[in-house]
């Protein structure tokens, strides 16, 4: 993939992200769960946009989750972990922000893992 193709790909993802974020906002009752994928790691944050606080986060970079690979199975386990952390903070309902990524593969696995832990979207 050339540099121009890569920059076009990133620009288009940024456009999708801003288009979706116009309609999604995290509140204290229903915070926003956002996903970020790097080439090596997966990150999930749950954010209260009204207060500007991160309520919970999990990533494959953490010591306890270091063994998870960046695949669908690892993403599902990451989703379950963020679900457990949210349940500990008495958060049951979130708004899912796919952050401009297509809703399949890793992003879908994270969402399914969180649902498995009892989080509703």
PDB file of N, CA and C in Angstrom:
ATOM      1  N   UNK A   1       0.856  -1.176   0.000  1.00  0.00           N
ATOM      2  CA  UNK A   1       0.000   0.000   0.000  1.00  0.00           C
ATOM      3  C   UNK A   1       0.901   1.238   0.000  1.00  0.00           C
ATOM      4  N   UNK A   2       0.646   2.138  -0.905  1.00  0.00           N
ATOM      5  CA  UNK A   2       1.476   3.330  -1.001  1.00  0.00           C
ATOM      6  C   UNK A   2       1.087   4.343   0.071  1.00  0.00           C
ATOM      7  N   UNK A   3       1.920   5.352   0.229  1.00  0.00           N
ATOM      8  CA  UNK A   3       1.682   6.382   1.240  1.00  0.00           C
ATOM      9  C   UNK A   3       0.398   7.142   0.933  1.00  0.00           C
ATOM     10  N   UNK A   4       0.154   7.435  -0.353  1.00  0.00           N
ATOM     11  CA  UNK A   4      -1.054   8.161  -0.725  1.00  0.00           C
ATOM     12  C   UNK A   4      -2.308   7.346  -0.412  1.00  0.00           C
ATOM     13  N   UNK A   5      -2.278   6.044  -0.731  1.00  0.00           N
ATOM     14  CA  UNK A   5      -3.424   5.192  -0.437  1.00  0.00           C
ATOM     15  C   UNK A   5      -3.677   5.110   1.062  1.00  0.00           C
ATOM     16  N   UNK A   6      -2.612   5.028   1.848  1.00  0.00           N
ATOM     17  CA  UNK A   6      -2.749   4.953   3.294  1.00  0.00           C
ATOM     18  C   UNK A   6      -3.328   6.247   3.847  1.00  0.00           C
ATOM     19  N   UNK A   7      -2.849   7.393   3.359  1.00  0.00           N
ATOM     20  CA  UNK A   7      -3.377   8.654   3.858  1.00  0.00           C
ATOM     21  C   UNK A   7      -4.845   8.832   3.465  1.00  0.00           C
ATOM     22  N   UNK A   8      -5.229   8.356   2.275  1.00  0.00           N
ATOM     23  CA  UNK A   8      -6.637   8.405   1.871  1.00  0.00           C
ATOM     24  C   UNK A   8      -7.494   7.526   2.778  1.00  0.00           C
ATOM     25  N   UNK A   9      -6.956   6.362   3.132  1.00  0.00           N
ATOM     26  CA  UNK A   9      -7.678   5.438   4.002  1.00  0.00           C
ATOM     27  C   UNK A   9      -7.906   6.052   5.382  1.00  0.00           C
ATOM     28  N   UNK A  10      -6.872   6.669   5.935  1.00  0.00           N
ATOM     29  CA  UNK A  10      -6.988   7.312   7.243  1.00  0.00           C
ATOM     30  C   UNK A  10      -7.921   8.519   7.195  1.00  0.00           C
ATOM     31  N   UNK A  11      -7.847   9.275   6.105  1.00  0.00           N
ATOM     32  CA  UNK A  11      -8.717  10.445   5.955  1.00  0.00           C
ATOM     33  C   UNK A  11     -10.176  10.020   5.876  1.00  0.00           C
ATOM     34  N   UNK A  12     -10.449   8.954   5.129  1.00  0.00           N
ATOM     35  CA  UNK A  12     -11.831   8.481   5.018  1.00  0.00           C
ATOM     36  C   UNK A  12     -12.344   7.957   6.355  1.00  0.00           C
ATOM     37  N   UNK A  13     -11.490   7.256   7.135  1.00  0.00           N
ATOM     38  CA  UNK A  13     -11.912   6.788   8.456  1.00  0.00           C
ATOM     39  C   UNK A  13     -12.209   7.967   9.365  1.00  0.00           C
ATOM     40  N   UNK A  14     -11.402   9.007   9.271  1.00  0.00           N
ATOM     41  CA  UNK A  14     -11.627  10.217  10.076  1.00  0.00           C
ATOM     42  C   UNK A  14     -12.957  10.873   9.703  1.00  0.00           C
ATOM     43  N   UNK A  15     -13.288  10.902   8.416  1.00  0.00           N
ATOM     44  CA  UNK A  15     -14.564  11.457   7.979  1.00  0.00           C
ATOM     45  C   UNK A  15     -15.736  10.637   8.522  1.00  0.00           C
ATOM     46  N   UNK A  16     -15.611   9.302   8.450  1.00  0.00           N
ATOM     47  CA  UNK A  16     -16.675   8.435   8.985  1.00  0.00           C
ATOM     48  C   UNK A  16     -16.813   8.653  10.486  1.00  0.00           C
ATOM     49  N   UNK A  17     -15.679   8.771  11.178  1.00  0.00           N
ATOM     50  CA  UNK A  17     -15.698   8.944  12.629  1.00  0.00           C
ATOM     51  C   UNK A  17     -16.416  10.231  13.020  1.00  0.00           C
ATOM     52  N   UNK A  18     -16.102  11.339  12.365  1.00  0.00           N
ATOM     53  CA  UNK A  18     -16.741  12.610  12.707  1.00  0.00           C
ATOM     54  C   UNK A  18     -18.222  12.596  12.322  1.00  0.00           C
ATOM     55  N   UNK A  19     -18.558  11.921  11.225  1.00  0.00           N
ATOM     56  CA  UNK A  19     -19.964  11.830  10.808  1.00  0.00           C
ATOM     57  C   UNK A  19     -20.788  11.080  11.856  1.00  0.00           C
ATOM     58  N   UNK A  20     -20.250   9.989  12.365  1.00  0.00           N
ATOM     59  CA  UNK A  20     -20.962   9.190  13.370  1.00  0.00           C
ATOM     60  C   UNK A  20     -20.996   9.922  14.711  1.00  0.00           C
ATOM     61  N   UNK A  21     -19.916  10.577  15.084  1.00  0.00           N
ATOM     62  CA  UNK A  21     -19.819  11.238  16.387  1.00  0.00           C
ATOM     63  C   UNK A  21     -20.750  12.441  16.517  1.00  0.00           C
ATOM     64  N   UNK A  22     -21.282  12.953  15.399  1.00  0.00           N
ATOM     65  CA  UNK A  22     -22.255  14.041  15.480  1.00  0.00           C
ATOM     66  C   UNK A  22     -23.517  13.582  16.198  1.00  0.00           C
ATOM     67  N   UNK A  23     -23.826  12.283  16.082  1.00  0.00           N
ATOM     68  CA  UNK A  23     -25.072  11.747  16.620  1.00  0.00           C
ATOM     69  C   UNK A  23     -24.892  10.950  17.905  1.00  0.00           C
ATOM     70  N   UNK A  24     -23.664  10.646  18.276  1.00  0.00           N
ATOM     71  CA  UNK A  24     -23.414   9.832  19.469  1.00  0.00           C
ATOM     72  C   UNK A  24     -22.789  10.706  20.543  1.00  0.00           C
ATOM     73  N   UNK A  25     -23.361  10.646  21.744  1.00  0.00           N
ATOM     74  CA  UNK A  25     -22.786  11.376  22.864  1.00  0.00           C
ATOM     75  C   UNK A  25     -22.977  10.551  24.128  1.00  0.00           C
ATOM     76  N   UNK A  26     -21.933  10.475  24.935  1.00  0.00           N
ATOM     77  CA  UNK A  26     -22.006   9.742  26.180  1.00  0.00           C
ATOM     78  C   UNK A  26     -22.531  10.621  27.296  1.00  0.00           C
ATOM     79  N   UNK A  27     -23.479  10.089  28.057  1.00  0.00           N
ATOM     80  CA  UNK A  27     -24.034  10.797  29.212  1.00  0.00           C
ATOM     81  C   UNK A  27     -23.680  10.003  30.464  1.00  0.00           C
ATOM     82  N   UNK A  28     -23.888  10.568  31.648  1.00  0.00           N
ATOM     83  CA  UNK A  28     -23.608   9.789  32.861  1.00  0.00           C
ATOM     84  C   UNK A  28     -24.463   8.516  32.952  1.00  0.00           C
ATOM     85  N   UNK A  29     -25.705   8.552  32.442  1.00  0.00           N
ATOM     86  CA  UNK A  29     -26.575   7.388  32.485  1.00  0.00           C
ATOM     87  C   UNK A  29     -26.214   6.372  31.404  1.00  0.00           C
ATOM     88  N   UNK A  30     -25.741   6.871  30.249  1.00  0.00           N
ATOM     89  CA  UNK A  30     -25.448   6.015  29.099  1.00  0.00           C
ATOM     90  C   UNK A  30     -24.137   6.481  28.461  1.00  0.00           C
ATOM     91  N   UNK A  31     -22.988   6.071  29.031  1.00  0.00           N
ATOM     92  CA  UNK A  31     -21.699   6.538  28.506  1.00  0.00           C
ATOM     93  C   UNK A  31     -21.368   5.924  27.139  1.00  0.00           C
ATOM     94  N   UNK A  32     -20.361   6.479  26.501  1.00  0.00           N
ATOM     95  CA  UNK A  32     -19.944   6.059  25.161  1.00  0.00           C
ATOM     96  C   UNK A  32     -18.778   5.085  25.269  1.00  0.00           C
ATOM     97  N   UNK A  33     -18.916   3.925  24.639  1.00  0.00           N
ATOM     98  CA  UNK A  33     -17.829   2.950  24.579  1.00  0.00           C
ATOM     99  C   UNK A  33     -17.172   3.064  23.217  1.00  0.00           C
ATOM    100  N   UNK A  34     -15.904   3.421  23.197  1.00  0.00           N
ATOM    101  CA  UNK A  34     -15.202   3.612  21.939  1.00  0.00           C
ATOM    102  C   UNK A  34     -14.060   2.612  21.803  1.00  0.00           C
ATOM    103  N   UNK A  35     -13.765   2.248  20.558  1.00  0.00           N
ATOM    104  CA  UNK A  35     -12.758   1.240  20.242  1.00  0.00           C
ATOM    105  C   UNK A  35     -11.673   1.882  19.397  1.00  0.00           C
ATOM    106  N   UNK A  36     -10.412   1.530  19.679  1.00  0.00           N
ATOM    107  CA  UNK A  36      -9.306   1.954  18.815  1.00  0.00           C
ATOM    108  C   UNK A  36      -8.442   0.741  18.531  1.00  0.00           C
ATOM    109  N   UNK A  37      -8.057   0.586  17.256  1.00  0.00           N
ATOM    110  CA  UNK A  37      -7.201  -0.522  16.848  1.00  0.00           C
ATOM    111  C   UNK A  37      -5.890   0.044  16.330  1.00  0.00           C
ATOM    112  N   UNK A  38      -4.776  -0.364  16.922  1.00  0.00           N
ATOM    113  CA  UNK A  38      -3.481  -0.045  16.335  1.00  0.00           C
ATOM    114  C   UNK A  38      -2.989  -1.312  15.643  1.00  0.00           C
ATOM    115  N   UNK A  39      -1.814  -1.263  15.076  1.00  0.00           N
ATOM    116  CA  UNK A  39      -1.296  -2.447  14.395  1.00  0.00           C
ATOM    117  C   UNK A  39      -0.952  -3.572  15.363  1.00  0.00           C
ATOM    118  N   UNK A  40      -0.711  -3.241  16.640  1.00  0.00           N
ATOM    119  CA  UNK A  40      -0.308  -4.258  17.615  1.00  0.00           C
ATOM    120  C   UNK A  40      -1.301  -4.471  18.747  1.00  0.00           C
ATOM    121  N   UNK A  41      -2.094  -3.460  19.093  1.00  0.00           N
ATOM    122  CA  UNK A  41      -2.911  -3.535  20.289  1.00  0.00           C
ATOM    123  C   UNK A  41      -4.353  -3.105  20.004  1.00  0.00           C
ATOM    124  N   UNK A  42      -5.234  -3.451  20.937  1.00  0.00           N
ATOM    125  CA  UNK A  42      -6.632  -3.022  20.903  1.00  0.00           C
ATOM    126  C   UNK A  42      -6.904  -2.226  22.174  1.00  0.00           C
ATOM    127  N   UNK A  43      -7.678  -1.180  22.054  1.00  0.00           N
ATOM    128  CA  UNK A  43      -8.005  -0.325  23.191  1.00  0.00           C
ATOM    129  C   UNK A  43      -9.511  -0.100  23.236  1.00  0.00           C
ATOM    130  N   UNK A  44     -10.080  -0.105  24.444  1.00  0.00           N
ATOM    131  CA  UNK A  44     -11.500   0.196  24.632  1.00  0.00           C
ATOM    132  C   UNK A  44     -11.607   1.177  25.792  1.00  0.00           C
ATOM    133  N   UNK A  45     -12.378   2.245  25.596  1.00  0.00           N
ATOM    134  CA  UNK A  45     -12.616   3.228  26.656  1.00  0.00           C
ATOM    135  C   UNK A  45     -14.110   3.461  26.778  1.00  0.00           C
ATOM    136  N   UNK A  46     -14.550   3.705  27.997  1.00  0.00           N
ATOM    137  CA  UNK A  46     -15.934   4.095  28.238  1.00  0.00           C
ATOM    138  C   UNK A  46     -15.895   5.502  28.806  1.00  0.00           C
ATOM    139  N   UNK A  47     -16.531   6.441  28.093  1.00  0.00           N
ATOM    140  CA  UNK A  47     -16.363   7.869  28.364  1.00  0.00           C
ATOM    141  C   UNK A  47     -17.700   8.526  28.656  1.00  0.00           C
ATOM    142  N   UNK A  48     -17.715   9.364  29.687  1.00  0.00           N
ATOM    143  CA  UNK A  48     -18.846  10.249  29.977  1.00  0.00           C
ATOM    144  C   UNK A  48     -18.492  11.589  29.340  1.00  0.00           C
ATOM    145  N   UNK A  49     -19.079  11.891  28.180  1.00  0.00           N
ATOM    146  CA  UNK A  49     -18.730  13.109  27.448  1.00  0.00           C
ATOM    147  C   UNK A  49     -19.196  14.373  28.164  1.00  0.00           C
ATOM    148  N   UNK A  50     -20.251  14.286  28.947  1.00  0.00           N
ATOM    149  CA  UNK A  50     -20.758  15.467  29.646  1.00  0.00           C
ATOM    150  C   UNK A  50     -19.721  15.983  30.650  1.00  0.00           C
ATOM    151  N   UNK A  51     -19.101  15.064  31.385  1.00  0.00           N
ATOM    152  CA  UNK A  51     -18.100  15.457  32.377  1.00  0.00           C
ATOM    153  C   UNK A  51     -16.679  15.392  31.812  1.00  0.00           C
ATOM    154  N   UNK A  52     -16.509  14.705  30.677  1.00  0.00           N
ATOM    155  CA  UNK A  52     -15.181  14.575  30.091  1.00  0.00           C
ATOM    156  C   UNK A  52     -14.318  13.569  30.834  1.00  0.00           C
ATOM    157  N   UNK A  53     -14.938  12.565  31.455  1.00  0.00           N
ATOM    158  CA  UNK A  53     -14.209  11.574  32.238  1.00  0.00           C
ATOM    159  C   UNK A  53     -14.215  10.219  31.552  1.00  0.00           C
ATOM    160  N   UNK A  54     -13.118   9.486  31.713  1.00  0.00           N
ATOM    161  CA  UNK A  54     -13.075   8.098  31.306  1.00  0.00           C
ATOM    162  C   UNK A  54     -13.498   7.265  32.500  1.00  0.00           C
ATOM    163  N   UNK A  55     -14.591   6.521  32.351  1.00  0.00           N
ATOM    164  CA  UNK A  55     -15.117   5.719  33.454  1.00  0.00           C
ATOM    165  C   UNK A  55     -14.368   4.396  33.600  1.00  0.00           C
ATOM    166  N   UNK A  56     -14.026   3.774  32.480  1.00  0.00           N
ATOM    167  CA  UNK A  56     -13.300   2.507  32.506  1.00  0.00           C
ATOM    168  C   UNK A  56     -12.543   2.362  31.195  1.00  0.00           C
ATOM    169  N   UNK A  57     -11.462   1.605  31.242  1.00  0.00           N
ATOM    170  CA  UNK A  57     -10.709   1.347  30.020  1.00  0.00           C
ATOM    171  C   UNK A  57     -10.052  -0.017  30.126  1.00  0.00           C
ATOM    172  N   UNK A  58      -9.740  -0.577  28.986  1.00  0.00           N
ATOM    173  CA  UNK A  58      -9.023  -1.849  28.917  1.00  0.00           C
ATOM    174  C   UNK A  58      -8.270  -1.881  27.603  1.00  0.00           C
ATOM    175  N   UNK A  59      -7.111  -2.496  27.619  1.00  0.00           N
ATOM    176  CA  UNK A  59      -6.346  -2.641  26.382  1.00  0.00           C
ATOM    177  C   UNK A  59      -5.484  -3.881  26.464  1.00  0.00           C
ATOM    178  N   UNK A  60      -5.078  -4.382  25.314  1.00  0.00           N
ATOM    179  CA  UNK A  60      -4.207  -5.545  25.274  1.00  0.00           C
ATOM    180  C   UNK A  60      -2.785  -5.176  25.660  1.00  0.00           C
ATOM    181  N   UNK A  61      -2.550  -3.924  25.979  1.00  0.00           N
ATOM    182  CA  UNK A  61      -1.245  -3.448  26.422  1.00  0.00           C
ATOM    183  C   UNK A  61      -1.064  -3.644  27.931  1.00  0.00           C
ATOM    184  N   UNK A  62      -2.174  -3.814  28.664  1.00  0.00           N
ATOM    185  CA  UNK A  62      -2.113  -3.979  30.110  1.00  0.00           C
ATOM    186  C   UNK A  62      -1.436  -5.294  30.483  1.00  0.00           C
ATOM    187  N   UNK A  63      -0.810  -5.316  31.652  1.00  0.00           N
ATOM    188  CA  UNK A  63      -0.104  -6.497  32.122  1.00  0.00           C
ATOM    189  C   UNK A  63      -1.034  -7.700  32.249  1.00  0.00           C
ATOM    190  N   UNK A  64      -2.229  -7.497  32.809  1.00  0.00           N
ATOM    191  CA  UNK A  64      -3.159  -8.608  33.021  1.00  0.00           C
ATOM    192  C   UNK A  64      -3.749  -9.144  31.716  1.00  0.00           C
ATOM    193  N   UNK A  65      -3.747  -8.341  30.662  1.00  0.00           N
ATOM    194  CA  UNK A  65      -4.324  -8.746  29.377  1.00  0.00           C
ATOM    195  C   UNK A  65      -3.258  -8.922  28.295  1.00  0.00           C
ATOM    196  N   UNK A  66      -2.001  -8.944  28.710  1.00  0.00           N
ATOM    197  CA  UNK A  66      -0.889  -8.996  27.765  1.00  0.00           C
ATOM    198  C   UNK A  66      -0.933 -10.240  26.868  1.00  0.00           C
ATOM    199  N   UNK A  67      -1.469 -11.349  27.392  1.00  0.00           N
ATOM    200  CA  UNK A  67      -1.485 -12.598  26.633  1.00  0.00           C
ATOM    201  C   UNK A  67      -2.492 -12.623  25.499  1.00  0.00           C
ATOM    202  N   UNK A  68      -3.396 -11.655  25.453  1.00  0.00           N
ATOM    203  CA  UNK A  68      -4.412 -11.648  24.397  1.00  0.00           C
ATOM    204  C   UNK A  68      -3.788 -11.232  23.071  1.00  0.00           C
ATOM    205  N   UNK A  69      -4.099 -11.978  22.038  1.00  0.00           N
ATOM    206  CA  UNK A  69      -3.605 -11.631  20.710  1.00  0.00           C
ATOM    207  C   UNK A  69      -4.587 -10.682  20.042  1.00  0.00           C
ATOM    208  N   UNK A  70      -4.116 -10.029  19.007  1.00  0.00           N
ATOM    209  CA  UNK A  70      -4.962  -9.092  18.260  1.00  0.00           C
ATOM    210  C   UNK A  70      -5.721  -9.861  17.190  1.00  0.00           C
ATOM    211  N   UNK A  71      -6.644 -10.716  17.673  1.00  0.00           N
ATOM    212  CA  UNK A  71      -7.505 -11.476  16.780  1.00  0.00           C
ATOM    213  C   UNK A  71      -8.919 -11.463  17.347  1.00  0.00           C
ATOM    214  N   UNK A  72      -9.836 -12.122  16.681  1.00  0.00           N
ATOM    215  CA  UNK A  72     -11.239 -12.075  17.083  1.00  0.00           C
ATOM    216  C   UNK A  72     -11.425 -12.672  18.477  1.00  0.00           C
ATOM    217  N   UNK A  73     -10.730 -13.753  18.763  1.00  0.00           N
ATOM    218  CA  UNK A  73     -10.849 -14.383  20.081  1.00  0.00           C
ATOM    219  C   UNK A  73     -10.343 -13.451  21.189  1.00  0.00           C
ATOM    220  N   UNK A  74      -9.192 -12.826  20.970  1.00  0.00           N
ATOM    221  CA  UNK A  74      -8.648 -11.881  21.951  1.00  0.00           C
ATOM    222  C   UNK A  74      -9.527 -10.661  22.117  1.00  0.00           C
ATOM    223  N   UNK A  75     -10.119 -10.200  21.021  1.00  0.00           N
ATOM    224  CA  UNK A  75     -11.015  -9.039  21.093  1.00  0.00           C
ATOM    225  C   UNK A  75     -12.262  -9.372  21.896  1.00  0.00           C
ATOM    226  N   UNK A  76     -12.770 -10.590  21.752  1.00  0.00           N
ATOM    227  CA  UNK A  76     -13.934 -11.008  22.528  1.00  0.00           C
ATOM    228  C   UNK A  76     -13.638 -11.019  24.019  1.00  0.00           C
ATOM    229  N   UNK A  77     -12.457 -11.504  24.378  1.00  0.00           N
ATOM    230  CA  UNK A  77     -12.059 -11.528  25.792  1.00  0.00           C
ATOM    231  C   UNK A  77     -11.853 -10.111  26.325  1.00  0.00           C
ATOM    232  N   UNK A  78     -11.336  -9.221  25.483  1.00  0.00           N
ATOM    233  CA  UNK A  78     -11.179  -7.819  25.879  1.00  0.00           C
ATOM    234  C   UNK A  78     -12.547  -7.187  26.122  1.00  0.00           C
ATOM    235  N   UNK A  79     -13.516  -7.508  25.280  1.00  0.00           N
ATOM    236  CA  UNK A  79     -14.878  -7.020  25.470  1.00  0.00           C
ATOM    237  C   UNK A  79     -15.490  -7.526  26.767  1.00  0.00           C
ATOM    238  N   UNK A  80     -15.238  -8.785  27.094  1.00  0.00           N
ATOM    239  CA  UNK A  80     -15.736  -9.339  28.355  1.00  0.00           C
ATOM    240  C   UNK A  80     -15.098  -8.631  29.550  1.00  0.00           C
ATOM    241  N   UNK A  81     -13.816  -8.334  29.443  1.00  0.00           N
ATOM    242  CA  UNK A  81     -13.105  -7.657  30.545  1.00  0.00           C
ATOM    243  C   UNK A  81     -13.651  -6.246  30.767  1.00  0.00           C
ATOM    244  N   UNK A  82     -13.883  -5.503  29.690  1.00  0.00           N
ATOM    245  CA  UNK A  82     -14.436  -4.152  29.864  1.00  0.00           C
ATOM    246  C   UNK A  82     -15.857  -4.248  30.412  1.00  0.00           C
ATOM    247  N   UNK A  83     -16.580  -5.295  30.027  1.00  0.00           N
ATOM    248  CA  UNK A  83     -17.916  -5.513  30.574  1.00  0.00           C
ATOM    249  C   UNK A  83     -17.886  -5.754  32.076  1.00  0.00           C
ATOM    250  N   UNK A  84     -16.934  -6.542  32.532  1.00  0.00           N
ATOM    251  CA  UNK A  84     -16.786  -6.806  33.972  1.00  0.00           C
ATOM    252  C   UNK A  84     -16.453  -5.515  34.724  1.00  0.00           C
ATOM    253  N   UNK A  85     -15.561  -4.713  34.154  1.00  0.00           N
ATOM    254  CA  UNK A  85     -15.167  -3.452  34.801  1.00  0.00           C
ATOM    255  C   UNK A  85     -16.348  -2.484  34.875  1.00  0.00           C
ATOM    256  N   UNK A  86     -17.185  -2.474  33.847  1.00  0.00           N
ATOM    257  CA  UNK A  86     -18.365  -1.606  33.858  1.00  0.00           C
ATOM    258  C   UNK A  86     -19.388  -2.099  34.869  1.00  0.00           C
ATOM    259  N   UNK A  87     -19.576  -3.405  34.960  1.00  0.00           N
ATOM    260  CA  UNK A  87     -20.511  -3.963  35.938  1.00  0.00           C
ATOM    261  C   UNK A  87     -20.069  -3.614  37.352  1.00  0.00           C
ATOM    262  N   UNK A  88     -18.746  -3.603  37.597  1.00  0.00           N
ATOM    263  CA  UNK A  88     -18.229  -3.238  38.918  1.00  0.00           C
ATOM    264  C   UNK A  88     -18.532  -1.779  39.248  1.00  0.00           C
ATOM    265  N   UNK A  89     -18.688  -0.940  38.214  1.00  0.00           N
ATOM    266  CA  UNK A  89     -19.013   0.478  38.420  1.00  0.00           C
ATOM    267  C   UNK A  89     -20.503   0.750  38.249  1.00  0.00           C
ATOM    268  N   UNK A  90     -21.316  -0.304  38.218  1.00  0.00           N
ATOM    269  CA  UNK A  90     -22.772  -0.213  38.095  1.00  0.00           C
ATOM    270  C   UNK A  90     -23.231   0.483  36.816  1.00  0.00           C
ATOM    271  N   UNK A  91     -22.545   0.223  35.721  1.00  0.00           N
ATOM    272  CA  UNK A  91     -22.955   0.731  34.406  1.00  0.00           C
ATOM    273  C   UNK A  91     -23.466  -0.461  33.606  1.00  0.00           C
ATOM    274  N   UNK A  92     -24.728  -0.399  33.177  1.00  0.00           N
ATOM    275  CA  UNK A  92     -25.343  -1.514  32.455  1.00  0.00           C
ATOM    276  C   UNK A  92     -25.604  -1.201  30.987  1.00  0.00           C
ATOM    277  N   UNK A  93     -25.733   0.081  30.640  1.00  0.00           N
ATOM    278  CA  UNK A  93     -26.101   0.477  29.283  1.00  0.00           C
ATOM    279  C   UNK A  93     -25.070   1.472  28.761  1.00  0.00           C
ATOM    280  N   UNK A  94     -24.581   1.251  27.529  1.00  0.00           N
ATOM    281  CA  UNK A  94     -23.631   2.166  26.899  1.00  0.00           C
ATOM    282  C   UNK A  94     -24.063   2.424  25.456  1.00  0.00           C
ATOM    283  N   UNK A  95     -23.477   3.454  24.858  1.00  0.00           N
ATOM    284  CA  UNK A  95     -23.622   3.736  23.437  1.00  0.00           C
ATOM    285  C   UNK A  95     -22.326   3.283  22.784  1.00  0.00           C
ATOM    286  N   UNK A  96     -22.410   2.466  21.741  1.00  0.00           N
ATOM    287  CA  UNK A  96     -21.207   1.918  21.114  1.00  0.00           C
ATOM    288  C   UNK A  96     -20.726   2.832  20.004  1.00  0.00           C
ATOM    289  N   UNK A  97     -19.466   3.249  20.089  1.00  0.00           N
ATOM    290  CA  UNK A  97     -18.830   4.101  19.082  1.00  0.00           C
ATOM    291  C   UNK A  97     -17.763   3.269  18.391  1.00  0.00           C
ATOM    292  N   UNK A  98     -18.006   2.902  17.138  1.00  0.00           N
ATOM    293  CA  UNK A  98     -17.060   2.053  16.419  1.00  0.00           C
ATOM    294  C   UNK A  98     -15.866   2.841  15.885  1.00  0.00           C
ATOM    295  N   UNK A  99     -15.884   4.155  16.064  1.00  0.00           N
ATOM    296  CA  UNK A  99     -14.739   5.015  15.771  1.00  0.00           C
ATOM    297  C   UNK A  99     -14.339   5.000  14.297  1.00  0.00           C
ATOM    298  N   UNK A 100     -15.320   4.859  13.404  1.00  0.00           N
ATOM    299  CA  UNK A 100     -15.031   4.904  11.971  1.00  0.00           C
ATOM    300  C   UNK A 100     -14.651   3.571  11.375  1.00  0.00           C
ATOM    301  N   UNK A 101     -14.512   2.525  12.189  1.00  0.00           N
ATOM    302  CA  UNK A 101     -14.179   1.196  11.681  1.00  0.00           C
ATOM    303  C   UNK A 101     -15.457   0.482  11.246  1.00  0.00           C
ATOM    304  N   UNK A 102     -15.317  -0.467  10.332  1.00  0.00           N
ATOM    305  CA  UNK A 102     -16.462  -1.277   9.938  1.00  0.00           C
ATOM    306  C   UNK A 102     -16.861  -2.162  11.117  1.00  0.00           C
ATOM    307  N   UNK A 103     -18.150  -2.409  11.241  1.00  0.00           N
ATOM    308  CA  UNK A 103     -18.653  -3.226  12.348  1.00  0.00           C
ATOM    309  C   UNK A 103     -18.575  -4.702  11.952  1.00  0.00           C
ATOM    310  N   UNK A 104     -17.370  -5.244  11.962  1.00  0.00           N
ATOM    311  CA  UNK A 104     -17.158  -6.673  11.749  1.00  0.00           C
ATOM    312  C   UNK A 104     -15.783  -7.012  12.295  1.00  0.00           C
ATOM    313  N   UNK A 105     -15.498  -8.278  12.404  1.00  0.00           N
ATOM    314  CA  UNK A 105     -14.190  -8.698  12.878  1.00  0.00           C
ATOM    315  C   UNK A 105     -13.937  -8.308  14.318  1.00  0.00           C
ATOM    316  N   UNK A 106     -12.847  -7.567  14.544  1.00  0.00           N
ATOM    317  CA  UNK A 106     -12.423  -7.218  15.899  1.00  0.00           C
ATOM    318  C   UNK A 106     -13.431  -6.323  16.610  1.00  0.00           C
ATOM    319  N   UNK A 107     -13.979  -5.349  15.901  1.00  0.00           N
ATOM    320  CA  UNK A 107     -14.920  -4.404  16.516  1.00  0.00           C
ATOM    321  C   UNK A 107     -16.191  -5.145  16.954  1.00  0.00           C
ATOM    322  N   UNK A 108     -16.696  -6.017  16.109  1.00  0.00           N
ATOM    323  CA  UNK A 108     -17.886  -6.798  16.446  1.00  0.00           C
ATOM    324  C   UNK A 108     -17.598  -7.747  17.603  1.00  0.00           C
ATOM    325  N   UNK A 109     -16.406  -8.338  17.640  1.00  0.00           N
ATOM    326  CA  UNK A 109     -16.042  -9.257  18.712  1.00  0.00           C
ATOM    327  C   UNK A 109     -15.979  -8.544  20.059  1.00  0.00           C
ATOM    328  N   UNK A 110     -15.481  -7.315  20.080  1.00  0.00           N
ATOM    329  CA  UNK A 110     -15.446  -6.535  21.322  1.00  0.00           C
ATOM    330  C   UNK A 110     -16.871  -6.260  21.802  1.00  0.00           C
ATOM    331  N   UNK A 111     -17.743  -5.861  20.880  1.00  0.00           N
ATOM    332  CA  UNK A 111     -19.134  -5.578  21.240  1.00  0.00           C
ATOM    333  C   UNK A 111     -19.831  -6.841  21.740  1.00  0.00           C
ATOM    334  N   UNK A 112     -19.612  -7.966  21.075  1.00  0.00           N
ATOM    335  CA  UNK A 112     -20.234  -9.220  21.496  1.00  0.00           C
ATOM    336  C   UNK A 112     -19.712  -9.664  22.862  1.00  0.00           C
ATOM    337  N   UNK A 113     -18.422  -9.462  23.117  1.00  0.00           N
ATOM    338  CA  UNK A 113     -17.856  -9.806  24.421  1.00  0.00           C
ATOM    339  C   UNK A 113     -18.454  -8.973  25.538  1.00  0.00           C
ATOM    340  N   UNK A 114     -18.674  -7.686  25.275  1.00  0.00           N
ATOM    341  CA  UNK A 114     -19.296  -6.820  26.277  1.00  0.00           C
ATOM    342  C   UNK A 114     -20.745  -7.240  26.524  1.00  0.00           C
ATOM    343  N   UNK A 115     -21.457  -7.616  25.450  1.00  0.00           N
ATOM    344  CA  UNK A 115     -22.839  -8.100  25.619  1.00  0.00           C
ATOM    345  C   UNK A 115     -22.863  -9.375  26.455  1.00  0.00           C
ATOM    346  N   UNK A 116     -21.879 -10.234  26.233  1.00  0.00           N
ATOM    347  CA  UNK A 116     -21.779 -11.487  26.976  1.00  0.00           C
ATOM    348  C   UNK A 116     -21.602 -11.226  28.474  1.00  0.00           C
ATOM    349  N   UNK A 117     -20.931 -10.118  28.805  1.00  0.00           N
ATOM    350  CA  UNK A 117     -20.720  -9.743  30.205  1.00  0.00           C
ATOM    351  C   UNK A 117     -21.941  -9.034  30.790  1.00  0.00           C
ATOM    352  N   UNK A 118     -22.968  -8.765  29.957  1.00  0.00           N
ATOM    353  CA  UNK A 118     -24.199  -8.176  30.475  1.00  0.00           C
ATOM    354  C   UNK A 118     -24.391  -6.698  30.175  1.00  0.00           C
ATOM    355  N   UNK A 119     -23.576  -6.138  29.306  1.00  0.00           N
ATOM    356  CA  UNK A 119     -23.708  -4.735  28.930  1.00  0.00           C
ATOM    357  C   UNK A 119     -24.679  -4.636  27.748  1.00  0.00           C
ATOM    358  N   UNK A 120     -25.587  -3.665  27.810  1.00  0.00           N
ATOM    359  CA  UNK A 120     -26.562  -3.461  26.742  1.00  0.00           C
ATOM    360  C   UNK A 120     -26.156  -2.252  25.913  1.00  0.00           C
ATOM    361  N   UNK A 121     -26.477  -2.331  24.601  1.00  0.00           N
ATOM    362  CA  UNK A 121     -26.204  -1.232  23.685  1.00  0.00           C
ATOM    363  C   UNK A 121     -27.493  -0.634  23.220  1.00  0.00           C
TER     364      UNK A 121
END
